[in-house]
PDB file of all heavy atoms in Angstrom:
ATOM      1  N   LEU A   1     -46.792  -9.272 -87.284  1.00  0.00           N
ATOM      2  CA  LEU A   1     -45.650  -8.422 -86.991  1.00  0.00           C
ATOM      3  C   LEU A   1     -44.904  -8.846 -85.694  1.00  0.00           C
ATOM      4  O   LEU A   1     -43.753  -8.639 -85.600  1.00  0.00           O
ATOM      5  CB  LEU A   1     -46.147  -6.978 -86.954  1.00  0.00           C
ATOM      6  CG  LEU A   1     -46.618  -6.430 -88.318  1.00  0.00           C
ATOM      7  CD1 LEU A   1     -47.221  -5.003 -88.146  1.00  0.00           C
ATOM      8  CD2 LEU A   1     -45.501  -6.402 -89.404  1.00  0.00           C
ATOM      9  N   SER A   2     -45.706  -9.351 -84.770  1.00  0.00           N
ATOM     10  CA  SER A   2     -45.064  -9.888 -83.536  1.00  0.00           C
ATOM     11  C   SER A   2     -44.089 -10.998 -83.901  1.00  0.00           C
ATOM     12  O   SER A   2     -42.968 -11.013 -83.413  1.00  0.00           O
ATOM     13  CB  SER A   2     -46.104 -10.379 -82.568  1.00  0.00           C
ATOM     14  OG  SER A   2     -45.632 -11.104 -81.539  1.00  0.00           O
ATOM     15  N   LEU A   3     -44.503 -11.859 -84.758  1.00  0.00           N
ATOM     16  CA  LEU A   3     -43.573 -12.932 -85.150  1.00  0.00           C
ATOM     17  C   LEU A   3     -42.436 -12.509 -85.959  1.00  0.00           C
ATOM     18  O   LEU A   3     -41.275 -13.010 -85.846  1.00  0.00           O
ATOM     19  CB  LEU A   3     -44.341 -14.126 -85.943  1.00  0.00           C
ATOM     20  CG  LEU A   3     -45.454 -14.864 -85.095  1.00  0.00           C
ATOM     21  CD1 LEU A   3     -46.178 -15.849 -86.017  1.00  0.00           C
ATOM     22  CD2 LEU A   3     -44.812 -15.507 -83.918  1.00  0.00           C
ATOM     23  N   VAL A   4     -42.695 -11.567 -86.823  1.00  0.00           N
ATOM     24  CA  VAL A   4     -41.533 -10.953 -87.570  1.00  0.00           C
ATOM     25  C   VAL A   4     -40.490 -10.424 -86.614  1.00  0.00           C
ATOM     26  O   VAL A   4     -39.301 -10.599 -87.003  1.00  0.00           O
ATOM     27  CB  VAL A   4     -42.063  -9.845 -88.576  1.00  0.00           C
ATOM     28  CG1 VAL A   4     -40.836  -8.985 -89.098  1.00  0.00           C
ATOM     29  CG2 VAL A   4     -42.896 -10.372 -89.622  1.00  0.00           C
ATOM     30  N   ARG A   5     -40.855  -9.829 -85.570  1.00  0.00           N
ATOM     31  CA  ARG A   5     -39.873  -9.278 -84.655  1.00  0.00           C
ATOM     32  C   ARG A   5     -39.216 -10.337 -83.814  1.00  0.00           C
ATOM     33  O   ARG A   5     -38.178 -10.162 -83.222  1.00  0.00           O
ATOM     34  CB  ARG A   5     -40.576  -8.280 -83.746  1.00  0.00           C
ATOM     35  CG  ARG A   5     -41.165  -6.963 -84.448  1.00  0.00           C
ATOM     36  CD  ARG A   5     -41.644  -5.979 -83.511  1.00  0.00           C
ATOM     37  NE  ARG A   5     -42.098  -4.803 -84.269  1.00  0.00           N
ATOM     38  CZ  ARG A   5     -43.427  -4.511 -84.610  1.00  0.00           C
ATOM     39  NH1 ARG A   5     -44.290  -5.407 -84.212  1.00  0.00           N
ATOM     40  NH2 ARG A   5     -43.671  -3.603 -85.392  1.00  0.00           N
ATOM     41  N   GLN A   6     -39.844 -11.489 -83.721  1.00  0.00           N
ATOM     42  CA  GLN A   6     -39.302 -12.507 -82.886  1.00  0.00           C
ATOM     43  C   GLN A   6     -38.246 -13.455 -83.587  1.00  0.00           C
ATOM     44  O   GLN A   6     -37.380 -14.130 -82.978  1.00  0.00           O
ATOM     45  CB  GLN A   6     -40.416 -13.476 -82.325  1.00  0.00           C
ATOM     46  CG  GLN A   6     -41.310 -12.748 -81.264  1.00  0.00           C
ATOM     47  CD  GLN A   6     -42.382 -13.675 -80.813  1.00  0.00           C
ATOM     48  OE1 GLN A   6     -42.176 -14.831 -80.347  1.00  0.00           O
ATOM     49  NE2 GLN A   6     -43.662 -13.186 -80.891  1.00  0.00           N
ATOM     50  N   THR A   7     -38.353 -13.530 -84.949  1.00  0.00           N
ATOM     51  CA  THR A   7     -37.530 -14.480 -85.702  1.00  0.00           C
ATOM     52  C   THR A   7     -36.192 -13.704 -86.023  1.00  0.00           C
ATOM     53  O   THR A   7     -36.175 -12.553 -86.221  1.00  0.00           O
ATOM     54  CB  THR A   7     -38.260 -14.974 -86.898  1.00  0.00           C
ATOM     55  OG1 THR A   7     -37.470 -15.992 -87.629  1.00  0.00           O
ATOM     56  CG2 THR A   7     -38.461 -13.883 -87.972  1.00  0.00           C
ATOM     57  N   ASP A   8     -35.165 -14.556 -86.275  1.00  0.00           N
ATOM     58  CA  ASP A   8     -33.932 -14.126 -86.806  1.00  0.00           C
ATOM     59  C   ASP A   8     -33.503 -14.797 -88.036  1.00  0.00           C
ATOM     60  O   ASP A   8     -32.396 -14.827 -88.464  1.00  0.00           O
ATOM     61  CB  ASP A   8     -32.820 -14.247 -85.712  1.00  0.00           C
ATOM     62  CG  ASP A   8     -32.572 -15.735 -85.393  1.00  0.00           C
ATOM     63  OD1 ASP A   8     -33.288 -16.598 -85.835  1.00  0.00           O
ATOM     64  OD2 ASP A   8     -31.568 -16.043 -84.711  1.00  0.00           O
ATOM     65  N   ALA A   9     -34.561 -15.354 -88.715  1.00  0.00           N
ATOM     66  CA  ALA A   9     -34.294 -16.133 -89.948  1.00  0.00           C
ATOM     67  C   ALA A   9     -33.741 -15.301 -91.148  1.00  0.00           C
ATOM     68  O   ALA A   9     -34.020 -14.147 -91.267  1.00  0.00           O
ATOM     69  CB  ALA A   9     -35.625 -16.904 -90.383  1.00  0.00           C
ATOM     70  N   ASP A  10     -33.086 -15.969 -91.907  1.00  0.00           N
ATOM     71  CA  ASP A  10     -32.483 -15.339 -93.232  1.00  0.00           C
ATOM     72  C   ASP A  10     -33.607 -15.152 -94.164  1.00  0.00           C
ATOM     73  O   ASP A  10     -33.714 -14.113 -94.922  1.00  0.00           O
ATOM     74  CB  ASP A  10     -31.423 -16.248 -93.771  1.00  0.00           C
ATOM     75  CG  ASP A  10     -30.273 -16.485 -92.837  1.00  0.00           C
ATOM     76  OD1 ASP A  10     -29.548 -15.537 -92.602  1.00  0.00           O
ATOM     77  OD2 ASP A  10     -30.189 -17.567 -92.421  1.00  0.00           O
ATOM     78  N   TYR A  11     -34.516 -16.179 -94.284  1.00  0.00           N
ATOM     79  CA  TYR A  11     -35.721 -16.018 -95.173  1.00  0.00           C
ATOM     80  C   TYR A  11     -36.981 -16.263 -94.314  1.00  0.00           C
ATOM     81  O   TYR A  11     -37.016 -17.138 -93.441  1.00  0.00           O
ATOM     82  CB  TYR A  11     -35.581 -17.168 -96.175  1.00  0.00           C
ATOM     83  CG  TYR A  11     -34.511 -17.044 -97.174  1.00  0.00           C
ATOM     84  CD1 TYR A  11     -34.059 -18.131 -97.919  1.00  0.00           C
ATOM     85  CD2 TYR A  11     -33.878 -15.837 -97.503  1.00  0.00           C
ATOM     86  CE1 TYR A  11     -33.082 -18.092 -98.795  1.00  0.00           C
ATOM     87  CE2 TYR A  11     -32.851 -15.760 -98.321  1.00  0.00           C
ATOM     88  CZ  TYR A  11     -32.378 -16.855 -99.015  1.00  0.00           C
ATOM     89  OH  TYR A  11     -31.369 -16.793 -99.901  1.00  0.00           O
ATOM     90  N   VAL A  12     -37.977 -15.456 -94.610  1.00  0.00           N
ATOM     91  CA  VAL A  12     -39.269 -15.544 -93.856  1.00  0.00           C
ATOM     92  C   VAL A  12     -40.453 -15.682 -94.815  1.00  0.00           C
ATOM     93  O   VAL A  12     -40.536 -14.946 -95.784  1.00  0.00           O
ATOM     94  CB  VAL A  12     -39.429 -14.339 -92.999  1.00  0.00           C
ATOM     95  CG1 VAL A  12     -40.820 -14.296 -92.447  1.00  0.00           C
ATOM     96  CG2 VAL A  12     -38.482 -14.291 -91.753  1.00  0.00           C
ATOM     97  N   LEU A  13     -41.223 -16.663 -94.552  1.00  0.00           N
ATOM     98  CA  LEU A  13     -42.590 -16.807 -95.306  1.00  0.00           C
ATOM     99  C   LEU A  13     -43.708 -16.610 -94.287  1.00  0.00           C
ATOM    100  O   LEU A  13     -43.531 -16.818 -93.088  1.00  0.00           O
ATOM    101  CB  LEU A  13     -42.692 -18.164 -95.926  1.00  0.00           C
ATOM    102  CG  LEU A  13     -41.557 -18.522 -97.004  1.00  0.00           C
ATOM    103  CD1 LEU A  13     -40.435 -19.350 -96.237  1.00  0.00           C
ATOM    104  CD2 LEU A  13     -42.223 -19.485 -98.058  1.00  0.00           C
ATOM    105  N   MET A  14     -44.847 -16.204 -94.834  1.00  0.00           N
ATOM    106  CA  MET A  14     -45.985 -15.999 -93.958  1.00  0.00           C
ATOM    107  C   MET A  14     -47.144 -16.923 -94.278  1.00  0.00           C
ATOM    108  O   MET A  14     -47.388 -17.215 -95.548  1.00  0.00           O
ATOM    109  CB  MET A  14     -46.488 -14.536 -94.003  1.00  0.00           C
ATOM    110  CG  MET A  14     -45.326 -13.501 -93.758  1.00  0.00           C
ATOM    111  SD  MET A  14     -45.790 -11.795 -94.060  1.00  0.00           S
ATOM    112  CE  MET A  14     -46.442 -11.429 -92.479  1.00  0.00           C
ATOM    113  N   CYS A  15     -47.846 -17.438 -93.301  1.00  0.00           N
ATOM    114  CA  CYS A  15     -48.759 -18.499 -93.510  1.00  0.00           C
ATOM    115  C   CYS A  15     -50.059 -18.150 -92.857  1.00  0.00           C
ATOM    116  O   CYS A  15     -50.070 -17.991 -91.702  1.00  0.00           O
ATOM    117  CB  CYS A  15     -48.143 -19.812 -93.018  1.00  0.00           C
ATOM    118  SG  CYS A  15     -49.175 -21.259 -93.304  1.00  0.00           S
ATOM    119  N   ASP A  16     -51.125 -18.321 -93.629  1.00  0.00           N
ATOM    120  CA  ASP A  16     -52.522 -18.173 -93.051  1.00  0.00           C
ATOM    121  C   ASP A  16     -53.041 -19.561 -92.638  1.00  0.00           C
ATOM    122  O   ASP A  16     -52.571 -20.642 -93.193  1.00  0.00           O
ATOM    123  CB  ASP A  16     -53.475 -17.569 -94.022  1.00  0.00           C
ATOM    124  CG  ASP A  16     -53.129 -16.105 -94.330  1.00  0.00           C
ATOM    125  OD1 ASP A  16     -52.502 -15.493 -93.478  1.00  0.00           O
ATOM    126  OD2 ASP A  16     -53.552 -15.661 -95.446  1.00  0.00           O
ATOM    127  N   GLN A  17     -53.943 -19.581 -91.690  1.00  0.00           N
ATOM    128  CA  GLN A  17     -54.333 -20.827 -91.026  1.00  0.00           C
ATOM    129  C   GLN A  17     -55.258 -21.693 -91.952  1.00  0.00           C
ATOM    130  O   GLN A  17     -55.386 -22.876 -91.606  1.00  0.00           O
ATOM    131  CB  GLN A  17     -55.017 -20.531 -89.704  1.00  0.00           C
ATOM    132  CG  GLN A  17     -56.319 -19.769 -89.903  1.00  0.00           C
ATOM    133  CD  GLN A  17     -57.032 -19.428 -88.649  1.00  0.00           C
ATOM    134  OE1 GLN A  17     -56.490 -19.486 -87.598  1.00  0.00           O
ATOM    135  NE2 GLN A  17     -58.268 -18.937 -88.713  1.00  0.00           N
ATOM    136  N   ASP A  18     -55.841 -21.101 -92.933  1.00  0.00           N
ATOM    137  CA  ASP A  18     -56.894 -21.869 -93.669  1.00  0.00           C
ATOM    138  C   ASP A  18     -56.517 -22.134 -95.172  1.00  0.00           C
ATOM    139  O   ASP A  18     -57.313 -22.728 -95.884  1.00  0.00           O
ATOM    140  CB  ASP A  18     -58.227 -21.067 -93.665  1.00  0.00           C
ATOM    141  CG  ASP A  18     -58.107 -19.632 -93.887  1.00  0.00           C
ATOM    142  OD1 ASP A  18     -56.914 -19.228 -94.308  1.00  0.00           O
ATOM    143  OD2 ASP A  18     -59.072 -18.905 -93.762  1.00  0.00           O
ATOM    144  N   ASP A  19     -55.280 -21.814 -95.571  1.00  0.00           N
ATOM    145  CA  ASP A  19     -54.916 -22.110 -96.924  1.00  0.00           C
ATOM    146  C   ASP A  19     -54.174 -23.472 -97.068  1.00  0.00           C
ATOM    147  O   ASP A  19     -54.023 -24.166 -96.076  1.00  0.00           O
ATOM    148  CB  ASP A  19     -53.954 -20.973 -97.465  1.00  0.00           C
ATOM    149  CG  ASP A  19     -54.584 -19.644 -97.402  1.00  0.00           C
ATOM    150  OD1 ASP A  19     -55.827 -19.567 -97.659  1.00  0.00           O
ATOM    151  OD2 ASP A  19     -53.855 -18.667 -97.215  1.00  0.00           O
ATOM    152  N   LEU A  20     -53.837 -23.765 -98.132  1.00  0.00           N
ATOM    153  CA  LEU A  20     -53.051 -25.002 -98.516  1.00  0.00           C
ATOM    154  C   LEU A  20     -51.807 -24.610 -99.249  1.00  0.00           C
ATOM    155  O   LEU A  20     -51.879 -23.691-100.059  1.00  0.00           O
ATOM    156  CB  LEU A  20     -53.819 -26.108 -99.236  1.00  0.00           C
ATOM    157  CG  LEU A  20     -55.121 -26.607 -98.551  1.00  0.00           C
ATOM    158  CD1 LEU A  20     -55.895 -27.492 -99.466  1.00  0.00           C
ATOM    159  CD2 LEU A  20     -54.772 -27.364 -97.254  1.00  0.00           C
ATOM    160  N   TRP A  21     -50.701 -25.294 -99.020  1.00  0.00           N
ATOM    161  CA  TRP A  21     -49.455 -25.031 -99.760  1.00  0.00           C
ATOM    162  C   TRP A  21     -49.149 -26.117-100.733  1.00  0.00           C
ATOM    163  O   TRP A  21     -49.277 -27.238-100.327  1.00  0.00           O
ATOM    164  CB  TRP A  21     -48.284 -24.754 -98.748  1.00  0.00           C
ATOM    165  CG  TRP A  21     -48.304 -23.493 -98.069  1.00  0.00           C
ATOM    166  CD1 TRP A  21     -49.486 -22.672 -97.829  1.00  0.00           C
ATOM    167  CD2 TRP A  21     -47.221 -22.779 -97.394  1.00  0.00           C
ATOM    168  NE1 TRP A  21     -49.061 -21.597 -97.049  1.00  0.00           N
ATOM    169  CE2 TRP A  21     -47.680 -21.594 -96.862  1.00  0.00           C
ATOM    170  CE3 TRP A  21     -45.814 -23.046 -97.410  1.00  0.00           C
ATOM    171  CZ2 TRP A  21     -46.906 -20.660 -96.161  1.00  0.00           C
ATOM    172  CZ3 TRP A  21     -45.033 -22.188 -96.781  1.00  0.00           C
ATOM    173  CH2 TRP A  21     -45.548 -20.999 -96.114  1.00  0.00           C
ATOM    174  N   GLU A  22     -48.809 -25.683-101.985  1.00  0.00           N
ATOM    175  CA  GLU A  22     -48.295 -26.711-102.950  1.00  0.00           C
ATOM    176  C   GLU A  22     -47.019 -27.222-102.380  1.00  0.00           C
ATOM    177  O   GLU A  22     -46.249 -26.587-101.740  1.00  0.00           O
ATOM    178  CB  GLU A  22     -48.223 -26.119-104.268  1.00  0.00           C
ATOM    179  CG  GLU A  22     -49.446 -25.592-104.914  1.00  0.00           C
ATOM    180  CD  GLU A  22     -50.323 -26.661-105.426  1.00  0.00           C
ATOM    181  OE1 GLU A  22     -50.024 -27.850-105.224  1.00  0.00           O
ATOM    182  OE2 GLU A  22     -51.374 -26.331-106.040  1.00  0.00           O
ATOM    183  N   PRO A  23     -46.776 -28.568-102.745  1.00  0.00           N
ATOM    184  CA  PRO A  23     -45.566 -29.246-102.079  1.00  0.00           C
ATOM    185  C   PRO A  23     -44.227 -28.499-102.359  1.00  0.00           C
ATOM    186  O   PRO A  23     -43.305 -28.541-101.525  1.00  0.00           O
ATOM    187  CB  PRO A  23     -45.608 -30.525-102.677  1.00  0.00           C
ATOM    188  CG  PRO A  23     -47.046 -30.828-103.023  1.00  0.00           C
ATOM    189  CD  PRO A  23     -47.558 -29.505-103.398  1.00  0.00           C
ATOM    190  N   GLU A  24     -44.081 -27.849-103.512  1.00  0.00           N
ATOM    191  CA  GLU A  24     -42.799 -27.293-103.910  1.00  0.00           C
ATOM    192  C   GLU A  24     -42.796 -25.805-103.604  1.00  0.00           C
ATOM    193  O   GLU A  24     -41.848 -25.033-104.001  1.00  0.00           O
ATOM    194  CB  GLU A  24     -42.568 -27.520-105.391  1.00  0.00           C
ATOM    195  CG  GLU A  24     -42.368 -28.995-105.778  1.00  0.00           C
ATOM    196  CD  GLU A  24     -41.949 -29.138-107.152  1.00  0.00           C
ATOM    197  OE1 GLU A  24     -42.094 -28.200-107.945  1.00  0.00           O
ATOM    198  OE2 GLU A  24     -41.458 -30.293-107.412  1.00  0.00           O
ATOM    199  N   LYS A  25     -43.701 -25.255-102.786  1.00  0.00           N
ATOM    200  CA  LYS A  25     -43.804 -23.794-102.639  1.00  0.00           C
ATOM    201  C   LYS A  25     -42.562 -23.206-101.946  1.00  0.00           C
ATOM    202  O   LYS A  25     -41.921 -22.290-102.549  1.00  0.00           O
ATOM    203  CB  LYS A  25     -45.006 -23.476-101.742  1.00  0.00           C
ATOM    204  CG  LYS A  25     -45.059 -21.926-101.303  1.00  0.00           C
ATOM    205  CD  LYS A  25     -46.281 -21.583-100.509  1.00  0.00           C
ATOM    206  CE  LYS A  25     -46.243 -20.166-100.147  1.00  0.00           C
ATOM    207  NZ  LYS A  25     -47.497 -19.764 -99.512  1.00  0.00           N
ATOM    208  N   ILE A  26     -42.145 -23.830-100.908  1.00  0.00           N
ATOM    209  CA  ILE A  26     -40.919 -23.239-100.221  1.00  0.00           C
ATOM    210  C   ILE A  26     -39.685 -23.380-101.099  1.00  0.00           C
ATOM    211  O   ILE A  26     -38.893 -22.459-101.124  1.00  0.00           O
ATOM    212  CB  ILE A  26     -40.663 -23.960 -98.844  1.00  0.00           C
ATOM    213  CG1 ILE A  26     -41.847 -23.638 -97.821  1.00  0.00           C
ATOM    214  CG2 ILE A  26     -39.339 -23.631 -98.238  1.00  0.00           C
ATOM    215  CD1 ILE A  26     -41.652 -24.208 -96.480  1.00  0.00           C
ATOM    216  N   ALA A  27     -39.562 -24.504-101.799  1.00  0.00           N
ATOM    217  CA  ALA A  27     -38.398 -24.802-102.531  1.00  0.00           C
ATOM    218  C   ALA A  27     -38.339 -23.736-103.762  1.00  0.00           C
ATOM    219  O   ALA A  27     -37.284 -23.183-104.026  1.00  0.00           O
ATOM    220  CB  ALA A  27     -38.381 -26.215-103.146  1.00  0.00           C
ATOM    221  N   ILE A  28     -39.500 -23.460-104.358  1.00  0.00           N
ATOM    222  CA  ILE A  28     -39.481 -22.516-105.549  1.00  0.00           C
ATOM    223  C   ILE A  28     -39.289 -21.088-105.072  1.00  0.00           C
ATOM    224  O   ILE A  28     -38.472 -20.420-105.726  1.00  0.00           O
ATOM    225  CB  ILE A  28     -40.856 -22.701-106.229  1.00  0.00           C
ATOM    226  CG1 ILE A  28     -40.993 -24.025-106.957  1.00  0.00           C
ATOM    227  CG2 ILE A  28     -41.020 -21.519-107.241  1.00  0.00           C
ATOM    228  CD1 ILE A  28     -42.331 -24.180-107.584  1.00  0.00           C
ATOM    229  N   LEU A  29     -39.824 -20.721-103.935  1.00  0.00           N
ATOM    230  CA  LEU A  29     -39.599 -19.310-103.463  1.00  0.00           C
ATOM    231  C   LEU A  29     -38.187 -19.126-102.959  1.00  0.00           C
ATOM    232  O   LEU A  29     -37.615 -18.028-103.197  1.00  0.00           O
ATOM    233  CB  LEU A  29     -40.595 -19.047-102.351  1.00  0.00           C
ATOM    234  CG  LEU A  29     -42.039 -18.941-102.759  1.00  0.00           C
ATOM    235  CD1 LEU A  29     -42.934 -18.605-101.602  1.00  0.00           C
ATOM    236  CD2 LEU A  29     -42.211 -17.754-103.887  1.00  0.00           C
ATOM    237  N   LYS A  30     -37.564 -20.116-102.331  1.00  0.00           N
ATOM    238  CA  LYS A  30     -36.182 -20.012-101.906  1.00  0.00           C
ATOM    239  C   LYS A  30     -35.244 -19.994-103.104  1.00  0.00           C
ATOM    240  O   LYS A  30     -34.274 -19.196-103.064  1.00  0.00           O
ATOM    241  CB  LYS A  30     -35.849 -21.135-100.986  1.00  0.00           C
ATOM    242  CG  LYS A  30     -36.393 -21.092 -99.532  1.00  0.00           C
ATOM    243  CD  LYS A  30     -36.240 -22.272 -98.771  1.00  0.00           C
ATOM    244  CE  LYS A  30     -34.832 -22.565 -98.368  1.00  0.00           C
ATOM    245  NZ  LYS A  30     -34.651 -23.734 -97.429  1.00  0.00           N
ATOM    246  N   LYS A  31     -35.531 -20.750-104.091  1.00  0.00           N
ATOM    247  CA  LYS A  31     -34.704 -20.667-105.281  1.00  0.00           C
ATOM    248  C   LYS A  31     -34.759 -19.333-105.932  1.00  0.00           C
ATOM    249  O   LYS A  31     -33.753 -18.701-106.347  1.00  0.00           O
ATOM    250  CB  LYS A  31     -35.151 -21.740-106.325  1.00  0.00           C
ATOM    251  CG  LYS A  31     -34.307 -21.783-107.590  1.00  0.00           C
ATOM    252  CD  LYS A  31     -34.858 -22.916-108.505  1.00  0.00           C
ATOM    253  CE  LYS A  31     -33.992 -23.031-109.743  1.00  0.00           C
ATOM    254  NZ  LYS A  31     -34.259 -21.919-110.693  1.00  0.00           N
ATOM    255  N   ALA A  32     -36.023 -18.788-106.110  1.00  0.00           N
ATOM    256  CA  ALA A  32     -36.090 -17.385-106.607  1.00  0.00           C
ATOM    257  C   ALA A  32     -35.449 -16.405-105.735  1.00  0.00           C
ATOM    258  O   ALA A  32     -34.777 -15.452-106.227  1.00  0.00           O
ATOM    259  CB  ALA A  32     -37.603 -17.067-106.744  1.00  0.00           C
ATOM    260  N   MET A  33     -35.483 -16.486-104.450  1.00  0.00           N
ATOM    261  CA  MET A  33     -34.808 -15.511-103.573  1.00  0.00           C
ATOM    262  C   MET A  33     -33.274 -15.693-103.746  1.00  0.00           C
ATOM    263  O   MET A  33     -32.574 -14.698-103.734  1.00  0.00           O
ATOM    264  CB  MET A  33     -35.225 -15.775-102.070  1.00  0.00           C
ATOM    265  CG  MET A  33     -34.511 -14.891-101.107  1.00  0.00           C
ATOM    266  SD  MET A  33     -34.852 -13.073-101.366  1.00  0.00           S
ATOM    267  CE  MET A  33     -36.572 -12.943-100.824  1.00  0.00           C
ATOM    268  N   ASN A  34     -32.764 -16.913-103.832  1.00  0.00           N
ATOM    269  CA  ASN A  34     -31.355 -17.110-103.984  1.00  0.00           C
ATOM    270  C   ASN A  34     -30.887 -16.410-105.336  1.00  0.00           C
ATOM    271  O   ASN A  34     -29.818 -15.789-105.280  1.00  0.00           O
ATOM    272  CB  ASN A  34     -31.052 -18.682-104.183  1.00  0.00           C
ATOM    273  CG  ASN A  34     -31.272 -19.443-102.892  1.00  0.00           C
ATOM    274  OD1 ASN A  34     -31.431 -20.650-102.960  1.00  0.00           O
ATOM    275  ND2 ASN A  34     -31.217 -18.734-101.769  1.00  0.00           N
ATOM    276  N   GLU A  35     -31.645 -16.523-106.298  1.00  0.00           N
ATOM    277  CA  GLU A  35     -31.297 -15.873-107.664  1.00  0.00           C
ATOM    278  C   GLU A  35     -31.276 -14.299-107.474  1.00  0.00           C
ATOM    279  O   GLU A  35     -30.467 -13.683-108.004  1.00  0.00           O
ATOM    280  CB  GLU A  35     -32.328 -16.324-108.753  1.00  0.00           C
ATOM    281  CG  GLU A  35     -32.210 -17.739-109.089  1.00  0.00           C
ATOM    282  CD  GLU A  35     -33.327 -18.255-110.017  1.00  0.00           C
ATOM    283  OE1 GLU A  35     -34.267 -17.521-110.201  1.00  0.00           O
ATOM    284  OE2 GLU A  35     -33.212 -19.410-110.506  1.00  0.00           O
ATOM    285  N   MET A  36     -32.292 -13.833-106.773  1.00  0.00           N
ATOM    286  CA  MET A  36     -32.384 -12.386-106.582  1.00  0.00           C
ATOM    287  C   MET A  36     -31.182 -11.878-105.760  1.00  0.00           C
ATOM    288  O   MET A  36     -30.558 -10.839-106.028  1.00  0.00           O
ATOM    289  CB  MET A  36     -33.612 -11.964-105.817  1.00  0.00           C
ATOM    290  CG  MET A  36     -34.819 -11.930-106.753  1.00  0.00           C
ATOM    291  SD  MET A  36     -36.236 -11.117-105.923  1.00  0.00           S
ATOM    292  CE  MET A  36     -35.863  -9.390-106.166  1.00  0.00           C
ATOM    293  N   GLU A  37     -30.684 -12.623-104.761  1.00  0.00           N
ATOM    294  CA  GLU A  37     -29.635 -12.275-103.916  1.00  0.00           C
ATOM    295  C   GLU A  37     -28.371 -12.334-104.703  1.00  0.00           C
ATOM    296  O   GLU A  37     -27.424 -11.508-104.481  1.00  0.00           O
ATOM    297  CB  GLU A  37     -29.519 -13.095-102.630  1.00  0.00           C
ATOM    298  CG  GLU A  37     -30.660 -12.751-101.710  1.00  0.00           C
ATOM    299  CD  GLU A  37     -30.431 -13.472-100.331  1.00  0.00           C
ATOM    300  OE1 GLU A  37     -29.822 -14.491-100.225  1.00  0.00           O
ATOM    301  OE2 GLU A  37     -30.889 -12.864 -99.325  1.00  0.00           O
ATOM    302  N   ALA A  38     -28.227 -13.310-105.652  1.00  0.00           N
ATOM    303  CA  ALA A  38     -27.047 -13.273-106.483  1.00  0.00           C
ATOM    304  C   ALA A  38     -27.029 -12.156-107.356  1.00  0.00           C
ATOM    305  O   ALA A  38     -25.920 -11.720-107.701  1.00  0.00           O
ATOM    306  CB  ALA A  38     -27.102 -14.684-107.266  1.00  0.00           C
ATOM    307  N   GLU A  39     -28.167 -11.636-107.848  1.00  0.00           N
ATOM    308  CA  GLU A  39     -28.265 -10.574-108.758  1.00  0.00           C
ATOM    309  C   GLU A  39     -28.103  -9.268-108.052  1.00  0.00           C
ATOM    310  O   GLU A  39     -27.367  -8.304-108.516  1.00  0.00           O
ATOM    311  CB  GLU A  39     -29.523 -10.496-109.544  1.00  0.00           C
ATOM    312  CG  GLU A  39     -29.698  -9.522-110.519  1.00  0.00           C
ATOM    313  CD  GLU A  39     -30.988  -9.563-111.341  1.00  0.00           C
ATOM    314  OE1 GLU A  39     -31.776 -10.533-111.146  1.00  0.00           O
ATOM    315  OE2 GLU A  39     -31.332  -8.642-112.244  1.00  0.00           O
ATOM    316  N   TYR A  40     -28.768  -9.011-106.917  1.00  0.00           N
ATOM    317  CA  TYR A  40     -28.798  -7.695-106.304  1.00  0.00           C
ATOM    318  C   TYR A  40     -27.940  -7.659-105.005  1.00  0.00           C
ATOM    319  O   TYR A  40     -27.727  -6.472-104.530  1.00  0.00           O
ATOM    320  CB  TYR A  40     -30.207  -7.289-106.058  1.00  0.00           C
ATOM    321  CG  TYR A  40     -31.105  -7.211-107.163  1.00  0.00           C
ATOM    322  CD1 TYR A  40     -32.124  -8.101-107.366  1.00  0.00           C
ATOM    323  CD2 TYR A  40     -30.948  -6.170-108.181  1.00  0.00           C
ATOM    324  CE1 TYR A  40     -32.946  -8.095-108.534  1.00  0.00           C
ATOM    325  CE2 TYR A  40     -31.737  -6.113-109.211  1.00  0.00           C
ATOM    326  CZ  TYR A  40     -32.713  -7.031-109.453  1.00  0.00           C
ATOM    327  OH  TYR A  40     -33.591  -6.947-110.547  1.00  0.00           O
ATOM    328  N   GLY A  41     -27.508  -8.734-104.556  1.00  0.00           N
ATOM    329  CA  GLY A  41     -26.696  -8.738-103.294  1.00  0.00           C
ATOM    330  C   GLY A  41     -27.555  -9.136-102.111  1.00  0.00           C
ATOM    331  O   GLY A  41     -28.746  -8.647-102.005  1.00  0.00           O
ATOM    332  N   ALA A  42     -27.009  -9.862-101.188  1.00  0.00           N
ATOM    333  CA  ALA A  42     -27.770 -10.394-100.098  1.00  0.00           C
ATOM    334  C   ALA A  42     -28.084  -9.255 -98.996  1.00  0.00           C
ATOM    335  O   ALA A  42     -28.864  -9.471 -98.162  1.00  0.00           O
ATOM    336  CB  ALA A  42     -26.951 -11.455 -99.332  1.00  0.00           C
ATOM    337  N   ASP A  43     -27.387  -8.107 -99.153  1.00  0.00           N
ATOM    338  CA  ASP A  43     -27.669  -6.927 -98.207  1.00  0.00           C
ATOM    339  C   ASP A  43     -28.806  -6.093 -98.743  1.00  0.00           C
ATOM    340  O   ASP A  43     -29.219  -5.206 -98.054  1.00  0.00           O
ATOM    341  CB  ASP A  43     -26.416  -6.053 -98.158  1.00  0.00           C
ATOM    342  CG  ASP A  43     -25.359  -6.747 -97.410  1.00  0.00           C
ATOM    343  OD1 ASP A  43     -25.664  -7.627 -96.560  1.00  0.00           O
ATOM    344  OD2 ASP A  43     -24.170  -6.406 -97.727  1.00  0.00           O
ATOM    345  N   THR A  44     -29.402  -6.388 -99.926  1.00  0.00           N
ATOM    346  CA  THR A  44     -30.540  -5.596-100.497  1.00  0.00           C
ATOM    347  C   THR A  44     -31.784  -6.213 -99.949  1.00  0.00           C
ATOM    348  O   THR A  44     -32.048  -7.426 -99.989  1.00  0.00           O
ATOM    349  CB  THR A  44     -30.515  -5.702-101.970  1.00  0.00           C
ATOM    350  OG1 THR A  44     -29.231  -5.206-102.530  1.00  0.00           O
ATOM    351  CG2 THR A  44     -31.572  -4.864-102.622  1.00  0.00           C
TER     352      THR A  44
END
């Protein structure tokens, strides 16, 4: 929550120290978010 308050990013992902991310994770999640914002509006 400290980091959430410190960032001003448009999109925020959260990362644990011991997991692994699939190479396309950020790309897939951003694409899905883009689609949601197109459907519901970027202010939602």
